[in-house]
Amino acid sequence: MNFYYLMKKASDKSKKGLEKEIELHFINKNLDCLWFDIFYFFKHIISTYFILE
């Protein structure tokens, strides 16, 4: 499961629940994929922002 998928899955959850999932995800994630996941995380936010705008 990558971070982009996690964000899509959790997008309808509460902020607190989402923060907990992100925290657990980072604990379990190896650092080799971290920057790649952050890139997809911001790409998801930017694309969502432009869709809603």
N, C-alpha and C. Protein backbone atom coordinates (compact mmCIF):
# COMPACT_ATOMS: atom_id res chain seq x y z
N MET A 1 0.85 -1.19 0.00
CA MET A 1 0.00 0.00 0.00
C MET A 1 0.89 1.24 0.00
N ASN A 2 0.72 2.10 -0.98
CA ASN A 2 1.52 3.33 -0.98
C ASN A 2 0.75 4.50 -0.38
N PHE A 3 1.44 5.60 -0.19
CA PHE A 3 0.88 6.75 0.52
C PHE A 3 -0.27 7.38 -0.27
N TYR A 4 -0.14 7.41 -1.59
CA TYR A 4 -1.20 7.97 -2.43
C TYR A 4 -2.51 7.21 -2.24
N TYR A 5 -2.41 5.88 -2.24
CA TYR A 5 -3.58 5.05 -2.02
C TYR A 5 -4.16 5.28 -0.63
N LEU A 6 -3.29 5.40 0.36
CA LEU A 6 -3.73 5.67 1.73
C LEU A 6 -4.51 6.97 1.81
N MET A 7 -4.01 8.01 1.14
CA MET A 7 -4.69 9.30 1.18
C MET A 7 -6.06 9.23 0.50
N LYS A 8 -6.12 8.55 -0.63
CA LYS A 8 -7.42 8.40 -1.31
C LYS A 8 -8.40 7.64 -0.43
N LYS A 9 -7.93 6.58 0.20
CA LYS A 9 -8.76 5.74 1.04
C LYS A 9 -9.27 6.52 2.25
N ALA A 10 -8.42 7.40 2.78
CA ALA A 10 -8.74 8.10 4.03
C ALA A 10 -9.36 9.48 3.80
N SER A 11 -9.59 9.86 2.55
CA SER A 11 -10.01 11.22 2.26
C SER A 11 -11.36 11.58 2.88
N ASP A 12 -12.20 10.57 3.14
CA ASP A 12 -13.52 10.85 3.71
C ASP A 12 -13.54 10.68 5.23
N LYS A 13 -12.38 10.40 5.84
CA LYS A 13 -12.32 10.21 7.28
C LYS A 13 -12.10 11.54 7.98
N SER A 14 -12.27 11.52 9.30
CA SER A 14 -12.03 12.73 10.06
C SER A 14 -10.55 13.07 10.07
N LYS A 15 -10.24 14.35 10.37
CA LYS A 15 -8.85 14.80 10.37
C LYS A 15 -8.02 14.01 11.37
N LYS A 16 -8.57 13.77 12.54
CA LYS A 16 -7.84 13.04 13.57
C LYS A 16 -7.55 11.61 13.13
N GLY A 17 -8.55 10.96 12.55
CA GLY A 17 -8.36 9.61 12.06
C GLY A 17 -7.33 9.56 10.94
N LEU A 18 -7.37 10.56 10.08
CA LEU A 18 -6.41 10.64 8.97
C LEU A 18 -4.99 10.83 9.49
N GLU A 19 -4.83 11.72 10.47
CA GLU A 19 -3.51 11.94 11.07
C GLU A 19 -2.97 10.66 11.69
N LYS A 20 -3.84 9.90 12.34
CA LYS A 20 -3.40 8.64 12.95
C LYS A 20 -2.95 7.65 11.89
N GLU A 21 -3.69 7.56 10.79
CA GLU A 21 -3.30 6.65 9.71
C GLU A 21 -1.97 7.07 9.09
N ILE A 22 -1.78 8.38 8.90
CA ILE A 22 -0.51 8.86 8.34
C ILE A 22 0.64 8.52 9.29
N GLU A 23 0.42 8.75 10.59
CA GLU A 23 1.45 8.46 11.59
C GLU A 23 1.82 6.98 11.56
N LEU A 24 0.84 6.10 11.55
CA LEU A 24 1.10 4.66 11.49
C LEU A 24 1.81 4.29 10.19
N HIS A 25 1.41 4.93 9.11
CA HIS A 25 2.01 4.66 7.80
C HIS A 25 3.50 5.01 7.81
N PHE A 26 3.84 6.18 8.38
CA PHE A 26 5.24 6.59 8.41
C PHE A 26 6.07 5.70 9.33
N ILE A 27 5.47 5.22 10.43
CA ILE A 27 6.18 4.31 11.33
C ILE A 27 6.54 3.02 10.59
N ASN A 28 5.62 2.53 9.77
CA ASN A 28 5.81 1.25 9.09
C ASN A 28 6.54 1.36 7.75
N LYS A 29 6.80 2.58 7.30
CA LYS A 29 7.34 2.80 5.96
C LYS A 29 8.86 2.81 5.99
N ASN A 30 9.48 2.25 4.99
CA ASN A 30 10.94 2.42 4.92
C ASN A 30 11.26 3.73 4.20
N LEU A 31 12.40 4.32 4.55
CA LEU A 31 12.70 5.68 4.11
C LEU A 31 13.02 5.78 2.62
N ASP A 32 13.34 4.66 1.99
CA ASP A 32 13.64 4.69 0.55
C ASP A 32 12.46 5.20 -0.26
N CYS A 33 11.25 4.90 0.16
CA CYS A 33 10.05 5.27 -0.59
C CYS A 33 9.40 6.55 -0.07
N LEU A 34 9.98 7.13 0.98
CA LEU A 34 9.32 8.24 1.68
C LEU A 34 9.13 9.46 0.78
N TRP A 35 10.21 9.89 0.09
CA TRP A 35 10.10 11.08 -0.74
C TRP A 35 9.19 10.84 -1.93
N PHE A 36 9.20 9.63 -2.46
CA PHE A 36 8.30 9.28 -3.55
C PHE A 36 6.84 9.40 -3.10
N ASP A 37 6.56 8.92 -1.90
CA ASP A 37 5.20 9.01 -1.35
C ASP A 37 4.80 10.45 -1.07
N ILE A 38 5.75 11.25 -0.56
CA ILE A 38 5.45 12.67 -0.31
C ILE A 38 5.11 13.39 -1.61
N PHE A 39 5.85 13.07 -2.67
CA PHE A 39 5.55 13.64 -3.99
C PHE A 39 4.11 13.31 -4.41
N TYR A 40 3.70 12.06 -4.26
CA TYR A 40 2.33 11.68 -4.63
C TYR A 40 1.30 12.31 -3.71
N PHE A 41 1.65 12.46 -2.43
CA PHE A 41 0.77 13.12 -1.47
C PHE A 41 0.47 14.55 -1.91
N PHE A 42 1.51 15.31 -2.25
CA PHE A 42 1.31 16.70 -2.69
C PHE A 42 0.64 16.77 -4.05
N LYS A 43 0.97 15.82 -4.93
CA LYS A 43 0.31 15.78 -6.23
C LYS A 43 -1.19 15.56 -6.06
N HIS A 44 -1.56 14.69 -5.11
CA HIS A 44 -2.97 14.43 -4.82
C HIS A 44 -3.66 15.69 -4.28
N ILE A 45 -3.00 16.38 -3.35
CA ILE A 45 -3.57 17.60 -2.78
C ILE A 45 -3.77 18.66 -3.86
N ILE A 46 -2.73 18.85 -4.69
CA ILE A 46 -2.81 19.87 -5.74
C ILE A 46 -3.92 19.54 -6.74
N SER A 47 -4.00 18.28 -7.16
CA SER A 47 -5.03 17.91 -8.12
C SER A 47 -6.43 18.04 -7.51
N THR A 48 -6.57 17.68 -6.23
CA THR A 48 -7.86 17.84 -5.54
C THR A 48 -8.23 19.31 -5.44
N TYR A 49 -7.24 20.15 -5.12
CA TYR A 49 -7.48 21.59 -5.00
C TYR A 49 -8.00 22.17 -6.32
N PHE A 50 -7.36 21.79 -7.43
CA PHE A 50 -7.78 22.34 -8.72
C PHE A 50 -9.14 21.79 -9.16
N ILE A 51 -9.45 20.56 -8.77
CA ILE A 51 -10.76 20.00 -9.09
C ILE A 51 -11.85 20.75 -8.32
N LEU A 52 -11.59 21.05 -7.04
CA LEU A 52 -12.58 21.74 -6.22
C LEU A 52 -12.67 23.23 -6.54
N GLU A 53 -11.59 23.79 -7.03
CA GLU A 53 -11.54 25.25 -7.28
C GLU A 53 -12.46 25.68 -8.42
